[in-house]
Amino acid sequence: MYDATLVAARALPPDPLRPAIAVVGSGPSGCYVAQFLAKQWPHSEITIFESLPAPYGLIRYGVAADHQGAK
């Protein structure tokens, strides 16, 4: 249903000195790359996307049962 009272937020112009960075996955490599990027660009906006309810991937959850060769 259309609601005429809703107004889209006005997008701010991108700031070249404050890049917006997206990291997909919060496993060990995602956390390391986010840490590296935060050190390289301390004023950047870093967002980490994770599909699982907790971060750290295999460190937290272990190897899946169907991948016994990797254990």
N, C-alpha and C. Protein backbone atom coordinates (compact mmCIF):
# COMPACT_ATOMS: atom_id res chain seq x y z
N MET A 1 0.84 -1.18 0.00
CA MET A 1 0.00 0.00 0.00
C MET A 1 0.89 1.24 0.00
N TYR A 2 0.57 2.20 -0.82
CA TYR A 2 1.34 3.44 -0.94
C TYR A 2 0.97 4.39 0.17
N ASP A 3 1.96 4.98 0.80
CA ASP A 3 1.73 5.95 1.86
C ASP A 3 2.42 7.25 1.45
N ALA A 4 1.64 8.25 1.14
CA ALA A 4 2.19 9.52 0.67
C ALA A 4 2.92 10.28 1.75
N THR A 5 2.71 9.92 3.02
CA THR A 5 3.39 10.65 4.09
C THR A 5 4.83 10.21 4.28
N LEU A 6 5.19 9.05 3.74
CA LEU A 6 6.57 8.60 3.85
C LEU A 6 7.43 9.33 2.83
N VAL A 7 8.53 9.83 3.29
CA VAL A 7 9.44 10.57 2.41
C VAL A 7 10.80 9.89 2.50
N ALA A 8 11.38 9.62 1.37
CA ALA A 8 12.71 8.98 1.35
C ALA A 8 13.74 9.94 1.91
N ALA A 9 14.66 9.40 2.66
CA ALA A 9 15.74 10.23 3.22
C ALA A 9 16.64 10.72 2.09
N ARG A 10 17.06 11.93 2.20
CA ARG A 10 17.94 12.50 1.18
C ARG A 10 19.34 11.94 1.37
N ALA A 11 19.90 11.40 0.32
CA ALA A 11 21.22 10.80 0.39
C ALA A 11 22.28 11.89 0.47
N LEU A 12 23.24 11.68 1.34
CA LEU A 12 24.34 12.62 1.46
C LEU A 12 25.33 12.38 0.34
N PRO A 13 25.97 13.42 -0.15
CA PRO A 13 26.97 13.22 -1.19
C PRO A 13 28.14 12.42 -0.63
N PRO A 14 28.72 11.54 -1.42
CA PRO A 14 29.85 10.74 -0.92
C PRO A 14 31.04 11.61 -0.58
N ASP A 15 31.68 11.29 0.50
CA ASP A 15 32.87 12.02 0.94
C ASP A 15 34.09 11.20 0.55
N PRO A 16 34.93 11.69 -0.36
CA PRO A 16 36.09 10.90 -0.79
C PRO A 16 37.10 10.65 0.33
N LEU A 17 37.06 11.44 1.40
CA LEU A 17 37.97 11.25 2.50
C LEU A 17 37.44 10.26 3.53
N ARG A 18 36.18 9.87 3.40
CA ARG A 18 35.57 8.90 4.31
C ARG A 18 34.89 7.82 3.48
N PRO A 19 35.66 6.84 3.00
CA PRO A 19 35.06 5.80 2.15
C PRO A 19 34.16 4.87 2.97
N ALA A 20 33.13 4.34 2.31
CA ALA A 20 32.25 3.34 2.90
C ALA A 20 32.67 1.98 2.34
N ILE A 21 32.99 1.06 3.23
CA ILE A 21 33.52 -0.24 2.84
C ILE A 21 32.62 -1.33 3.39
N ALA A 22 32.31 -2.33 2.57
CA ALA A 22 31.52 -3.48 3.01
C ALA A 22 32.40 -4.72 2.97
N VAL A 23 32.39 -5.48 4.07
CA VAL A 23 33.10 -6.75 4.16
C VAL A 23 32.03 -7.83 4.29
N VAL A 24 32.07 -8.81 3.40
CA VAL A 24 31.08 -9.88 3.43
C VAL A 24 31.69 -11.07 4.14
N GLY A 25 31.12 -11.41 5.29
CA GLY A 25 31.59 -12.53 6.08
C GLY A 25 32.44 -12.07 7.25
N SER A 26 32.13 -12.59 8.44
CA SER A 26 32.89 -12.20 9.62
C SER A 26 33.74 -13.35 10.15
N GLY A 27 34.21 -14.18 9.23
CA GLY A 27 35.16 -15.22 9.60
C GLY A 27 36.51 -14.60 9.87
N PRO A 28 37.53 -15.44 10.07
CA PRO A 28 38.85 -14.89 10.36
C PRO A 28 39.35 -13.92 9.28
N SER A 29 39.18 -14.26 8.02
CA SER A 29 39.69 -13.36 6.97
C SER A 29 38.90 -12.06 6.92
N GLY A 30 37.58 -12.12 7.13
CA GLY A 30 36.77 -10.90 7.14
C GLY A 30 37.17 -9.97 8.28
N CYS A 31 37.43 -10.55 9.45
CA CYS A 31 37.85 -9.74 10.60
C CYS A 31 39.23 -9.14 10.39
N TYR A 32 40.14 -9.93 9.81
CA TYR A 32 41.49 -9.40 9.55
C TYR A 32 41.46 -8.28 8.51
N VAL A 33 40.68 -8.46 7.46
CA VAL A 33 40.64 -7.40 6.44
C VAL A 33 39.97 -6.15 6.98
N ALA A 34 38.95 -6.30 7.82
CA ALA A 34 38.31 -5.12 8.42
C ALA A 34 39.28 -4.38 9.33
N GLN A 35 40.08 -5.13 10.09
CA GLN A 35 41.08 -4.52 10.96
C GLN A 35 42.15 -3.79 10.12
N PHE A 36 42.61 -4.42 9.04
CA PHE A 36 43.61 -3.80 8.17
C PHE A 36 43.07 -2.51 7.55
N LEU A 37 41.82 -2.57 7.05
CA LEU A 37 41.23 -1.39 6.43
C LEU A 37 41.02 -0.27 7.44
N ALA A 38 40.65 -0.63 8.67
CA ALA A 38 40.45 0.39 9.70
C ALA A 38 41.77 1.10 10.04
N LYS A 39 42.88 0.36 9.96
CA LYS A 39 44.18 0.99 10.21
C LYS A 39 44.60 1.86 9.03
N GLN A 40 44.29 1.43 7.80
CA GLN A 40 44.67 2.20 6.61
C GLN A 40 43.84 3.47 6.47
N TRP A 41 42.53 3.36 6.73
CA TRP A 41 41.61 4.50 6.62
C TRP A 41 40.84 4.63 7.92
N PRO A 42 41.42 5.30 8.93
CA PRO A 42 40.79 5.36 10.24
C PRO A 42 39.43 6.06 10.26
N HIS A 43 39.15 6.90 9.28
CA HIS A 43 37.86 7.61 9.26
C HIS A 43 36.84 6.95 8.35
N SER A 44 37.15 5.76 7.86
CA SER A 44 36.23 5.09 6.95
C SER A 44 35.08 4.46 7.74
N GLU A 45 34.01 4.17 7.01
CA GLU A 45 32.85 3.49 7.59
C GLU A 45 32.88 2.05 7.09
N ILE A 46 33.15 1.10 7.98
CA ILE A 46 33.27 -0.30 7.62
C ILE A 46 32.08 -1.06 8.17
N THR A 47 31.38 -1.77 7.29
CA THR A 47 30.24 -2.59 7.67
C THR A 47 30.55 -4.03 7.34
N ILE A 48 30.34 -4.93 8.31
CA ILE A 48 30.57 -6.35 8.10
C ILE A 48 29.22 -7.04 8.03
N PHE A 49 28.99 -7.79 6.96
CA PHE A 49 27.75 -8.54 6.78
C PHE A 49 28.01 -10.01 7.09
N GLU A 50 27.15 -10.60 7.89
CA GLU A 50 27.28 -12.01 8.28
C GLU A 50 25.90 -12.65 8.28
N SER A 51 25.80 -13.85 7.71
CA SER A 51 24.52 -14.54 7.65
C SER A 51 24.25 -15.38 8.89
N LEU A 52 25.30 -15.76 9.60
CA LEU A 52 25.13 -16.58 10.81
C LEU A 52 24.88 -15.68 12.02
N PRO A 53 24.32 -16.24 13.10
CA PRO A 53 23.98 -15.40 14.26
C PRO A 53 25.20 -14.92 15.06
N ALA A 54 26.36 -15.53 14.88
CA ALA A 54 27.55 -15.13 15.61
C ALA A 54 28.74 -15.04 14.65
N PRO A 55 29.71 -14.18 14.95
CA PRO A 55 30.87 -14.02 14.06
C PRO A 55 31.91 -15.13 14.23
N TYR A 56 32.96 -15.06 13.46
CA TYR A 56 34.19 -15.84 13.51
C TYR A 56 34.15 -17.17 12.77
N GLY A 57 33.10 -17.50 12.06
CA GLY A 57 33.07 -18.64 11.15
C GLY A 57 33.56 -19.94 11.74
N LEU A 58 34.55 -20.57 11.07
CA LEU A 58 35.03 -21.89 11.47
C LEU A 58 35.65 -21.90 12.86
N ILE A 59 36.16 -20.77 13.32
CA ILE A 59 36.73 -20.73 14.66
C ILE A 59 35.64 -21.04 15.69
N ARG A 60 34.44 -20.52 15.47
CA ARG A 60 33.34 -20.72 16.41
C ARG A 60 32.58 -22.00 16.12
N TYR A 61 32.26 -22.27 14.85
CA TYR A 61 31.35 -23.36 14.50
C TYR A 61 32.04 -24.67 14.15
N GLY A 62 33.31 -24.63 13.83
CA GLY A 62 34.02 -25.84 13.44
C GLY A 62 33.70 -26.23 12.00
N VAL A 63 34.27 -27.33 11.57
CA VAL A 63 34.08 -27.82 10.21
C VAL A 63 32.76 -28.59 10.14
N ALA A 64 32.01 -28.38 9.08
CA ALA A 64 30.71 -29.04 8.91
C ALA A 64 30.89 -30.55 8.81
N ALA A 65 29.85 -31.28 9.21
CA ALA A 65 29.90 -32.75 9.23
C ALA A 65 30.13 -33.34 7.85
N ASP A 66 29.69 -32.65 6.81
CA ASP A 66 29.85 -33.20 5.46
C ASP A 66 31.22 -32.90 4.85
N HIS A 67 32.11 -32.28 5.61
CA HIS A 67 33.47 -31.97 5.15
C HIS A 67 34.49 -32.64 6.07
N GLN A 68 34.35 -33.91 6.32
CA GLN A 68 35.24 -34.61 7.24
C GLN A 68 36.69 -34.64 6.76
N GLY A 69 36.91 -34.57 5.47
CA GLY A 69 38.28 -34.56 4.94
C GLY A 69 39.06 -33.33 5.35
N ALA A 70 38.37 -32.24 5.66
CA ALA A 70 39.03 -30.99 6.03
C ALA A 70 39.42 -30.95 7.51
N LYS A 71 38.90 -31.86 8.32
CA LYS A 71 39.20 -31.85 9.76
C LYS A 71 40.60 -32.27 10.06
